[in-house]
């Protein structure tokens, strides 16, 4: 989302995931369902692992 310079609303429309779910996924304390992550990755045309930020490589 950040790399593509998109808003929460744009991501929601593109992926079919509600705005509240997109915002919740951005929260570091959330545990989104795998189905939600799959929809996000598919809509954003990226790998599901690209949705995770981690200092561990």
N, C-alpha and C. Protein backbone atom coordinates (compact mmCIF):
# COMPACT_ATOMS: atom_id res chain seq x y z
N UNK A 1 0.83 -1.18 0.00
CA UNK A 1 0.00 0.00 0.00
C UNK A 1 0.88 1.25 0.00
N UNK A 2 1.87 1.27 0.90
CA UNK A 2 2.74 2.44 0.97
C UNK A 2 3.60 2.56 -0.28
N UNK A 3 4.12 1.44 -0.76
CA UNK A 3 4.98 1.47 -1.93
C UNK A 3 4.22 1.90 -3.18
N UNK A 4 2.92 1.61 -3.21
CA UNK A 4 2.11 1.98 -4.36
C UNK A 4 1.40 3.31 -4.15
N UNK A 5 1.68 3.95 -3.00
CA UNK A 5 1.11 5.26 -2.68
C UNK A 5 -0.42 5.25 -2.77
N UNK A 6 -1.02 4.27 -2.09
CA UNK A 6 -2.47 4.10 -2.13
C UNK A 6 -3.09 4.40 -0.76
N UNK A 7 -4.32 4.87 -0.80
CA UNK A 7 -5.05 5.12 0.45
C UNK A 7 -5.74 3.84 0.90
N UNK A 8 -6.21 3.83 2.12
CA UNK A 8 -6.97 2.70 2.65
C UNK A 8 -8.20 2.46 1.79
N UNK A 9 -8.86 3.52 1.39
CA UNK A 9 -10.06 3.41 0.56
C UNK A 9 -9.73 2.75 -0.78
N UNK A 10 -8.65 3.17 -1.40
CA UNK A 10 -8.26 2.61 -2.69
C UNK A 10 -7.95 1.12 -2.57
N UNK A 11 -7.24 0.75 -1.51
CA UNK A 11 -6.92 -0.66 -1.29
C UNK A 11 -8.20 -1.46 -1.08
N UNK A 12 -9.11 -0.90 -0.32
CA UNK A 12 -10.38 -1.56 -0.07
C UNK A 12 -11.15 -1.81 -1.36
N UNK A 13 -11.24 -0.82 -2.20
CA UNK A 13 -11.96 -0.96 -3.47
C UNK A 13 -11.28 -1.96 -4.40
N UNK A 14 -9.97 -1.95 -4.41
CA UNK A 14 -9.20 -2.81 -5.29
C UNK A 14 -9.24 -4.27 -4.86
N UNK A 15 -9.28 -4.51 -3.55
CA UNK A 15 -9.16 -5.87 -3.03
C UNK A 15 -10.47 -6.50 -2.59
N UNK A 16 -11.48 -5.69 -2.34
CA UNK A 16 -12.73 -6.22 -1.82
C UNK A 16 -12.71 -6.44 -0.33
N UNK A 17 -11.69 -5.94 0.34
CA UNK A 17 -11.56 -6.03 1.79
C UNK A 17 -12.06 -4.71 2.37
N UNK A 18 -12.87 -4.78 3.41
CA UNK A 18 -13.44 -3.56 3.97
C UNK A 18 -12.35 -2.60 4.47
N UNK A 19 -12.69 -1.32 4.49
CA UNK A 19 -11.73 -0.31 4.94
C UNK A 19 -11.29 -0.59 6.37
N UNK A 20 -12.23 -1.00 7.22
CA UNK A 20 -11.88 -1.27 8.61
C UNK A 20 -10.92 -2.46 8.72
N UNK A 21 -11.10 -3.47 7.85
CA UNK A 21 -10.19 -4.62 7.87
C UNK A 21 -8.81 -4.24 7.36
N UNK A 22 -8.76 -3.39 6.34
CA UNK A 22 -7.46 -2.92 5.83
C UNK A 22 -6.74 -2.16 6.92
N UNK A 23 -7.46 -1.27 7.59
CA UNK A 23 -6.85 -0.49 8.66
C UNK A 23 -6.41 -1.39 9.80
N UNK A 24 -7.20 -2.39 10.12
CA UNK A 24 -6.85 -3.32 11.19
C UNK A 24 -5.60 -4.11 10.84
N UNK A 25 -5.45 -4.49 9.57
CA UNK A 25 -4.26 -5.22 9.13
C UNK A 25 -3.00 -4.38 9.27
N UNK A 26 -3.15 -3.09 9.19
CA UNK A 26 -2.01 -2.19 9.32
C UNK A 26 -1.56 -2.07 10.77
N UNK A 27 -2.43 -2.44 11.70
CA UNK A 27 -2.13 -2.40 13.12
C UNK A 27 -1.20 -3.56 13.47
N UNK A 28 -0.09 -3.27 14.09
CA UNK A 28 0.89 -4.30 14.42
C UNK A 28 0.36 -5.35 15.39
N UNK A 29 -0.69 -5.04 16.11
CA UNK A 29 -1.23 -5.97 17.10
C UNK A 29 -2.34 -6.85 16.55
N UNK A 30 -2.65 -6.73 15.27
CA UNK A 30 -3.75 -7.50 14.70
C UNK A 30 -3.25 -8.84 14.17
N UNK A 31 -4.17 -9.76 14.06
CA UNK A 31 -3.89 -11.08 13.49
C UNK A 31 -4.93 -11.34 12.40
N UNK A 32 -4.71 -10.79 11.20
CA UNK A 32 -5.70 -10.96 10.13
C UNK A 32 -5.79 -12.41 9.68
N UNK A 33 -6.95 -12.78 9.18
CA UNK A 33 -7.15 -14.13 8.65
C UNK A 33 -6.35 -14.28 7.36
N UNK A 34 -5.96 -15.51 7.09
CA UNK A 34 -5.18 -15.78 5.88
C UNK A 34 -5.97 -15.42 4.63
N UNK A 35 -7.29 -15.58 4.68
CA UNK A 35 -8.12 -15.24 3.53
C UNK A 35 -8.06 -13.74 3.24
N UNK A 36 -8.01 -12.94 4.28
CA UNK A 36 -7.90 -11.49 4.12
C UNK A 36 -6.56 -11.14 3.50
N UNK A 37 -5.50 -11.76 3.98
CA UNK A 37 -4.17 -11.50 3.43
C UNK A 37 -4.08 -11.94 1.97
N UNK A 38 -4.74 -13.06 1.64
CA UNK A 38 -4.74 -13.52 0.25
C UNK A 38 -5.46 -12.53 -0.66
N UNK A 39 -6.59 -11.99 -0.20
CA UNK A 39 -7.32 -11.00 -0.99
C UNK A 39 -6.47 -9.74 -1.19
N UNK A 40 -5.80 -9.31 -0.13
CA UNK A 40 -4.95 -8.13 -0.23
C UNK A 40 -3.81 -8.35 -1.22
N UNK A 41 -3.15 -9.48 -1.10
CA UNK A 41 -2.03 -9.78 -2.00
C UNK A 41 -2.50 -9.88 -3.44
N UNK A 42 -3.62 -10.53 -3.66
CA UNK A 42 -4.14 -10.68 -5.02
C UNK A 42 -4.52 -9.31 -5.60
N UNK A 43 -5.22 -8.51 -4.82
CA UNK A 43 -5.65 -7.19 -5.29
C UNK A 43 -4.49 -6.24 -5.53
N UNK A 44 -3.47 -6.35 -4.71
CA UNK A 44 -2.29 -5.48 -4.85
C UNK A 44 -1.25 -6.06 -5.81
N UNK A 45 -1.54 -7.25 -6.32
CA UNK A 45 -0.65 -7.93 -7.27
C UNK A 45 0.77 -8.08 -6.69
N UNK A 46 0.80 -8.70 -5.51
CA UNK A 46 2.09 -8.94 -4.87
C UNK A 46 2.03 -10.31 -4.19
N UNK A 47 3.16 -10.76 -3.71
CA UNK A 47 3.22 -12.01 -2.95
C UNK A 47 2.71 -11.74 -1.54
N UNK A 48 2.09 -12.74 -0.95
CA UNK A 48 1.55 -12.57 0.40
C UNK A 48 2.66 -12.20 1.39
N UNK A 49 3.87 -12.69 1.17
CA UNK A 49 4.98 -12.38 2.07
C UNK A 49 5.40 -10.91 1.98
N UNK A 50 5.06 -10.26 0.87
CA UNK A 50 5.37 -8.84 0.72
C UNK A 50 4.55 -7.98 1.69
N UNK A 51 3.49 -8.55 2.25
CA UNK A 51 2.64 -7.80 3.16
C UNK A 51 3.20 -7.70 4.56
N UNK A 52 4.27 -8.46 4.84
CA UNK A 52 4.87 -8.48 6.16
C UNK A 52 6.14 -7.66 6.19
N UNK A 53 6.27 -6.86 7.24
CA UNK A 53 7.52 -6.15 7.48
C UNK A 53 8.24 -6.84 8.61
N UNK A 54 9.47 -7.14 8.40
CA UNK A 54 10.25 -7.81 9.44
C UNK A 54 11.70 -7.44 9.30
N UNK A 55 12.38 -7.20 10.42
CA UNK A 55 13.81 -6.92 10.36
C UNK A 55 14.61 -8.19 10.06
N UNK A 56 13.97 -9.35 10.21
CA UNK A 56 14.63 -10.63 9.95
C UNK A 56 14.54 -10.94 8.46
N UNK A 57 15.65 -11.22 7.86
CA UNK A 57 15.69 -11.53 6.42
C UNK A 57 16.09 -12.96 6.22
